[in-house]
């Protein structure tokens, strides 16, 4: 085992341990969302991986990243085998996102370096051709790219759940690693008009916030879980068609929807160690409206209770 892989394995272990520390018994059971609560089920499995990023292309093909090996996998449809198509150049494959021109962005540095990412800023982003797997550099000098999303004009936001810096990459390639200071921002999803960047707070003051993109110094909390009502650490989130945050509580796998500030309900009870949830896209395969989750144990599963016919994977 090489030094890079050893570091990635150690980081994954540390992540599991940290999530376990912040897990507690629920202070009060959240209600099940109307029409939800159906059993979840596995649609793919990648043994030996720690899945960190998830997205779907217009053809309904799912893409996931492995924190440990740095690989990017493509799965053409639920039940199909996962095919390794690329590997990030610097380890710690993290978030996935799409540029307006259809190129797939893959974050790297979401490994042990994220612990000191604010200081060394050794993370970055590459593009990957979703068909050929060809890798090309895109941006460097970020704290981490643990969560990532892209505006309609091609501006990229990247988060670090172990640090405090949220970075921004402009369409001209300029990198602003300290666009916002927000401790333990995890996941990243923009609303439809790019007014807010929604993030989970995983290790510091657990909950969910949205950051105004024109006022990053004034974040707004939507859910606070530090008062004993938290079931687990919120992780990579998405938005439904009504722009309500859909969030997994990582160690338990519970997937919830925030209906209003401080109010949430349960869409389903998924697989433990869920690291991200994302809607599908297109009319086949991992299709639009269907909600999927990934785990640090290599599982991809569907949450039927989260079905929303008008929701799709985050893309400009």
Protein backbone atom coordinates (compact mmCIF):
# COMPACT_ATOMS: atom_id res chain seq x y z
CA UNK A 1 0.00 0.00 0.00
CA UNK A 2 1.50 3.35 -1.06
CA UNK A 3 1.83 6.40 1.12
CA UNK A 4 -1.00 8.18 -0.70
CA UNK A 5 -3.40 5.27 -0.31
CA UNK A 6 -2.37 4.79 3.33
CA UNK A 7 -3.18 8.45 3.98
CA UNK A 8 -6.54 8.09 2.25
CA UNK A 9 -7.42 5.01 4.28
CA UNK A 10 -6.39 6.79 7.48
CA UNK A 11 -8.50 9.79 6.54
CA UNK A 12 -11.53 7.62 5.81
CA UNK A 13 -11.09 5.93 9.18
CA UNK A 14 -10.75 9.31 10.87
CA UNK A 15 -13.89 10.51 9.11
CA UNK A 16 -15.85 7.48 10.35
CA UNK A 17 -14.58 8.04 13.88
CA UNK A 18 -15.38 11.75 13.83
CA UNK A 19 -18.90 11.06 12.60
CA UNK A 20 -19.36 8.49 15.35
CA UNK A 21 -18.39 11.06 17.96
CA UNK A 22 -21.08 13.51 16.88
CA UNK A 23 -23.77 10.83 16.67
CA UNK A 24 -26.29 10.70 19.49
CA UNK A 25 -29.65 9.14 20.17
CA UNK A 26 -32.45 11.29 18.76
CA UNK A 27 -33.89 13.72 21.23
CA UNK A 28 -37.28 13.59 19.50
CA UNK A 29 -38.40 11.49 16.56
CA UNK A 30 -38.98 13.52 13.40
CA UNK A 31 -42.24 12.81 11.55
CA UNK A 32 -42.23 10.87 8.30
CA UNK A 33 -42.94 13.14 5.32
CA UNK A 34 -46.40 12.72 3.80
CA UNK A 35 -46.36 9.86 1.31
CA UNK A 36 -42.78 8.86 2.23
CA UNK A 37 -41.11 6.28 4.46
CA UNK A 38 -40.97 3.39 1.97
CA UNK A 39 -38.04 0.96 2.33
CA UNK A 40 -34.83 1.93 0.56
CA UNK A 41 -33.00 -0.59 -1.63
CA UNK A 42 -29.51 -1.10 -3.03
CA UNK A 43 -29.00 -0.43 -6.77
CA UNK A 44 -25.21 -0.88 -6.95
CA UNK A 45 -22.28 -1.86 -4.76
CA UNK A 46 -18.56 -1.15 -4.98
CA UNK A 47 -16.91 -3.23 -2.22
CA UNK A 48 -13.81 -1.71 -0.69
CA UNK A 49 -14.62 1.87 -1.66
CA UNK A 50 -15.56 4.93 0.37
CA UNK A 51 -17.90 6.83 -1.92
CA UNK A 52 -17.74 10.59 -1.57
CA UNK A 53 -19.23 12.20 -4.69
CA UNK A 54 -22.35 11.42 -6.75
CA UNK A 55 -23.89 12.93 -9.87
CA UNK A 56 -25.90 11.85 -12.93
CA UNK A 57 -25.54 12.90 -16.58
CA UNK A 58 -28.37 13.66 -19.07
CA UNK A 59 -28.32 10.02 -20.24
CA UNK A 60 -29.12 8.78 -16.73
CA UNK A 61 -25.62 7.44 -16.04
CA UNK A 62 -24.38 7.77 -12.46
CA UNK A 63 -20.85 8.81 -11.56
CA UNK A 64 -19.26 8.29 -8.13
CA UNK A 65 -15.86 8.98 -6.59
CA UNK A 66 -13.84 6.82 -4.22
CA UNK A 67 -12.13 8.72 -1.43
CA UNK A 68 -9.60 5.92 -0.90
CA UNK A 69 -8.35 5.09 -4.42
CA UNK A 70 -9.02 8.44 -6.06
CA UNK A 71 -10.97 6.73 -8.82
CA UNK A 72 -14.07 7.90 -10.67
CA UNK A 73 -16.61 5.20 -11.56
CA UNK A 74 -19.48 5.24 -14.05
CA UNK A 75 -22.60 3.10 -13.63
CA UNK A 76 -24.80 3.11 -16.71
CA UNK A 77 -28.05 2.08 -14.96
CA UNK A 78 -29.23 0.67 -11.62
CA UNK A 79 -28.00 -2.91 -11.41
CA UNK A 80 -25.23 -2.40 -13.98
CA UNK A 81 -21.58 -2.94 -12.99
CA UNK A 82 -19.43 0.01 -12.00
CA UNK A 83 -16.68 0.84 -14.47
CA UNK A 84 -13.58 2.77 -13.37
CA UNK A 85 -13.06 5.53 -15.95
CA UNK A 86 -10.47 7.83 -14.35
CA UNK A 87 -8.31 8.60 -11.35
CA UNK A 88 -7.66 12.07 -9.96
CA UNK A 89 -3.99 13.08 -10.12
CA UNK A 90 -3.46 13.85 -6.47
CA UNK A 91 -5.62 11.47 -4.41
CA UNK A 92 -8.71 11.98 -2.31
CA UNK A 93 -11.36 12.07 -5.05
CA UNK A 94 -14.21 14.17 -3.72
CA UNK A 95 -17.13 16.13 -5.11
CA UNK A 96 -18.60 15.93 -8.61
CA UNK A 97 -20.29 18.70 -10.59
CA UNK A 98 -21.05 19.75 -14.17
CA UNK A 99 -19.87 22.76 -16.13
CA UNK A 100 -22.41 24.50 -18.40
CA UNK A 101 -20.68 22.96 -21.44
CA UNK A 102 -21.27 19.43 -20.09
CA UNK A 103 -17.78 18.68 -18.79
CA UNK A 104 -17.61 16.68 -15.55
CA UNK A 105 -15.71 18.33 -12.69
CA UNK A 106 -14.02 16.15 -10.08
CA UNK A 107 -12.57 17.55 -6.88
CA UNK A 108 -9.38 16.16 -5.36
CA UNK A 109 -7.68 16.60 -2.01
CA UNK A 110 -10.68 15.37 0.00
CA UNK A 111 -8.33 13.15 2.03
CA UNK A 112 -6.10 13.76 5.05
CA UNK A 113 -4.94 17.06 3.55
CA UNK A 114 -8.41 18.49 4.19
CA UNK A 115 -7.53 18.59 7.89
CA UNK A 116 -5.01 21.35 7.17
CA UNK A 117 -6.52 22.47 3.89
CA UNK A 118 -7.06 26.05 4.97
CA UNK A 119 -3.30 26.38 5.49
CA UNK A 120 -1.76 24.39 2.65
CA UNK A 121 -4.52 24.71 0.02
CA UNK A 122 -3.31 21.70 -1.95
CA UNK A 123 -6.72 20.63 -3.25
CA UNK A 124 -8.09 21.30 -6.69
CA UNK A 125 -10.38 20.29 -9.52
CA UNK A 126 -9.93 18.39 -12.77
CA UNK A 127 -12.24 17.75 -15.69
CA UNK A 128 -13.03 14.19 -16.73
CA UNK A 129 -14.52 13.17 -20.06
CA UNK A 130 -17.51 11.03 -18.98
CA UNK A 131 -17.10 8.74 -22.00
CA UNK A 132 -13.34 8.35 -22.44
CA UNK A 133 -12.13 9.14 -18.92
CA UNK A 134 -9.60 11.68 -20.21
CA UNK A 135 -8.43 13.91 -17.34
CA UNK A 136 -7.40 17.56 -17.65
CA UNK A 137 -6.46 20.14 -14.98
CA UNK A 138 -9.00 22.80 -14.14
CA UNK A 139 -8.16 24.61 -10.88
CA UNK A 140 -5.72 24.36 -7.96
CA UNK A 141 -5.02 26.08 -4.67
CA UNK A 142 -8.27 25.23 -2.88
CA UNK A 143 -8.71 24.20 0.75
CA UNK A 144 -10.68 21.13 -0.39
CA UNK A 145 -13.37 20.12 -2.86
CA UNK A 146 -15.49 17.97 -0.58
CA UNK A 147 -18.68 19.59 -1.88
CA UNK A 148 -19.05 21.42 -5.18
CA UNK A 149 -21.61 23.10 -7.42
CA UNK A 150 -21.55 25.40 -10.46
CA UNK A 151 -23.57 28.50 -11.36
CA UNK A 152 -25.19 29.11 -14.73
CA UNK A 153 -22.22 31.25 -15.81
CA UNK A 154 -19.68 28.58 -14.80
CA UNK A 155 -18.57 29.85 -11.39
CA UNK A 156 -17.59 26.92 -9.15
CA UNK A 157 -17.97 26.73 -5.37
CA UNK A 158 -16.00 24.17 -3.32
CA UNK A 159 -16.20 23.34 0.40
CA UNK A 160 -14.10 21.70 3.14
CA UNK A 161 -15.95 19.93 5.96
CA UNK A 162 -12.77 19.71 8.06
CA UNK A 163 -11.82 23.36 7.53
CA UNK A 164 -13.45 26.75 7.31
CA UNK A 165 -12.76 28.02 3.81
CA UNK A 166 -15.26 27.88 0.97
CA UNK A 167 -13.50 28.49 -2.33
CA UNK A 168 -14.73 30.00 -5.58
CA UNK A 169 -13.34 29.46 -9.08
CA UNK A 170 -14.34 32.05 -11.67
CA UNK A 171 -15.17 31.20 -15.30
CA UNK A 172 -11.82 32.74 -16.36
CA UNK A 173 -9.97 30.23 -14.13
CA UNK A 174 -9.10 32.62 -11.28
CA UNK A 175 -9.21 30.88 -7.89
CA UNK A 176 -10.44 32.59 -4.73
CA UNK A 177 -9.78 29.99 -1.99
CA UNK A 178 -11.22 32.15 0.79
CA UNK A 179 -14.47 33.39 -0.75
CA UNK A 180 -16.23 32.57 2.53
CA UNK A 181 -15.25 31.44 6.00
CA UNK A 182 -17.77 28.87 7.18
CA UNK A 183 -16.64 26.10 9.57
CA UNK A 184 -17.29 22.52 8.44
CA UNK A 185 -19.29 23.30 5.29
CA UNK A 186 -20.12 19.95 3.71
CA UNK A 187 -21.78 19.38 0.38
CA UNK A 188 -22.73 22.30 -1.84
CA UNK A 189 -25.84 22.94 -3.91
CA UNK A 190 -27.07 26.18 -5.48
CA UNK A 191 -30.67 27.25 -5.85
CA UNK A 192 -32.16 27.80 -9.31
CA UNK A 193 -31.12 31.44 -9.65
CA UNK A 194 -27.71 31.01 -7.95
CA UNK A 195 -28.71 33.30 -5.07
CA UNK A 196 -27.81 30.86 -2.29
CA UNK A 197 -25.25 28.13 -1.73
CA UNK A 198 -26.77 25.48 0.55
CA UNK A 199 -24.34 23.53 2.77
CA UNK A 200 -24.52 21.07 5.62
CA UNK A 201 -22.62 21.72 8.83
CA UNK A 202 -21.13 18.37 9.78
CA UNK A 203 -18.64 18.64 12.64
CA UNK A 204 -19.12 22.19 13.96
CA UNK A 205 -22.57 23.24 15.19
CA UNK A 206 -24.30 20.46 13.18
CA UNK A 207 -27.12 21.57 10.92
CA UNK A 208 -27.83 23.10 7.53
CA UNK A 209 -27.31 26.65 6.28
CA UNK A 210 -27.57 28.67 3.11
CA UNK A 211 -24.97 31.27 2.17
CA UNK A 212 -26.04 34.25 0.04
CA UNK A 213 -23.73 34.30 -2.97
CA UNK A 214 -23.73 38.11 -2.91
CA UNK A 215 -23.15 38.28 0.86
CA UNK A 216 -21.07 35.30 2.05
CA UNK A 217 -20.52 37.00 5.41
CA UNK A 218 -24.24 36.62 6.25
CA UNK A 219 -25.15 32.89 6.25
CA UNK A 220 -28.66 31.84 7.26
CA UNK A 221 -29.23 28.75 9.39
CA UNK A 222 -32.10 26.51 8.31
CA UNK A 223 -31.62 23.65 10.76
CA UNK A 224 -29.80 23.48 14.09
CA UNK A 225 -29.10 20.03 15.53
CA UNK A 226 -26.68 20.82 18.33
CA UNK A 227 -29.34 20.97 21.05
CA UNK A 228 -29.71 17.20 21.43
CA UNK A 229 -32.16 16.72 18.58
CA UNK A 230 -29.49 15.62 16.12
CA UNK A 231 -29.56 12.00 14.97
CA UNK A 232 -26.24 12.23 13.14
CA UNK A 233 -23.93 14.48 11.19
CA UNK A 234 -25.59 16.10 8.13
CA UNK A 235 -23.63 15.32 4.96
CA UNK A 236 -23.79 15.99 1.20
CA UNK A 237 -27.19 17.50 0.39
CA UNK A 238 -29.35 18.39 -2.60
CA UNK A 239 -32.55 20.37 -3.27
CA UNK A 240 -35.91 19.07 -4.43
CA UNK A 241 -37.98 20.82 -7.11
CA UNK A 242 -39.41 23.23 -4.51
CA UNK A 243 -35.87 24.08 -3.38
CA UNK A 244 -36.26 22.30 -0.06
CA UNK A 245 -32.96 20.84 1.23
CA UNK A 246 -32.79 17.03 1.23
CA UNK A 247 -30.09 15.89 3.63
CA UNK A 248 -28.64 12.57 4.84
CA UNK A 249 -27.67 12.14 8.48
CA UNK A 250 -24.46 10.26 7.86
CA UNK A 251 -23.95 7.49 10.48
CA UNK A 252 -27.63 6.50 10.61
CA UNK A 253 -28.46 6.86 6.92
CA UNK A 254 -31.65 8.71 7.79
CA UNK A 255 -32.62 11.02 4.89
CA UNK A 256 -34.69 14.09 5.75
CA UNK A 257 -36.27 17.07 4.02
CA UNK A 258 -36.25 20.56 5.52
CA UNK A 259 -39.69 22.09 4.91
CA UNK A 260 -39.12 25.35 6.77
CA UNK A 261 -36.46 26.75 9.09
CA UNK A 262 -36.22 24.35 12.04
CA UNK A 263 -38.80 21.93 10.60
CA UNK A 264 -37.92 18.66 8.90
CA UNK A 265 -39.44 15.29 8.14
CA UNK A 266 -38.06 11.87 7.18
CA UNK A 267 -38.09 10.66 3.57
CA UNK A 268 -36.51 7.30 4.30
CA UNK A 269 -34.12 5.28 6.41
CA UNK A 270 -31.11 4.42 4.28
CA UNK A 271 -27.80 2.67 4.65
CA UNK A 272 -25.49 3.79 7.48
CA UNK A 273 -22.57 6.10 6.60
CA UNK A 274 -24.48 7.89 3.84
CA UNK A 275 -22.19 10.60 2.45
CA UNK A 276 -24.42 12.24 -0.17
CA UNK A 277 -27.88 12.18 -1.73
CA UNK A 278 -28.66 13.28 -5.27
CA UNK A 279 -31.58 13.18 -7.69
CA UNK A 280 -31.35 11.40 -11.04
CA UNK A 281 -31.46 12.92 -14.49
CA UNK A 282 -32.86 12.08 -17.92
CA UNK A 283 -35.54 9.58 -18.85
CA UNK A 284 -33.70 6.31 -18.27
CA UNK A 285 -31.19 4.66 -15.95
CA UNK A 286 -30.75 6.81 -12.84
CA UNK A 287 -33.66 8.88 -14.12
CA UNK A 288 -34.99 12.27 -13.07
CA UNK A 289 -37.21 12.38 -10.01
CA UNK A 290 -35.59 9.40 -8.29
CA UNK A 291 -33.49 10.04 -5.20
CA UNK A 292 -30.25 8.13 -4.63
CA UNK A 293 -27.69 7.95 -1.84
CA UNK A 294 -24.09 6.78 -1.57
CA UNK A 295 -22.14 5.53 1.42
CA UNK A 296 -18.63 5.31 2.82
CA UNK A 297 -19.16 1.53 2.65
CA UNK A 298 -19.43 1.46 -1.15
CA UNK A 299 -23.22 1.21 -1.48
CA UNK A 300 -25.50 3.13 -3.86
CA UNK A 301 -29.16 2.96 -2.92
CA UNK A 302 -32.50 4.48 -3.86
CA UNK A 303 -34.86 6.34 -1.51
CA UNK A 304 -38.37 5.91 -2.99
CA UNK A 305 -39.86 8.21 -0.36
CA UNK A 306 -37.91 11.07 -1.89
CA UNK A 307 -39.35 10.71 -5.38
CA UNK A 308 -40.08 14.10 -6.93
CA UNK A 309 -40.97 14.01 -10.65
CA UNK A 310 -39.65 17.53 -11.22
CA UNK A 311 -36.32 17.14 -9.38
CA UNK A 312 -33.02 16.36 -11.07
CA UNK A 313 -29.33 16.22 -10.30
CA UNK A 314 -27.64 19.56 -9.67
CA UNK A 315 -26.39 21.05 -12.97
CA UNK A 316 -26.24 24.55 -14.48
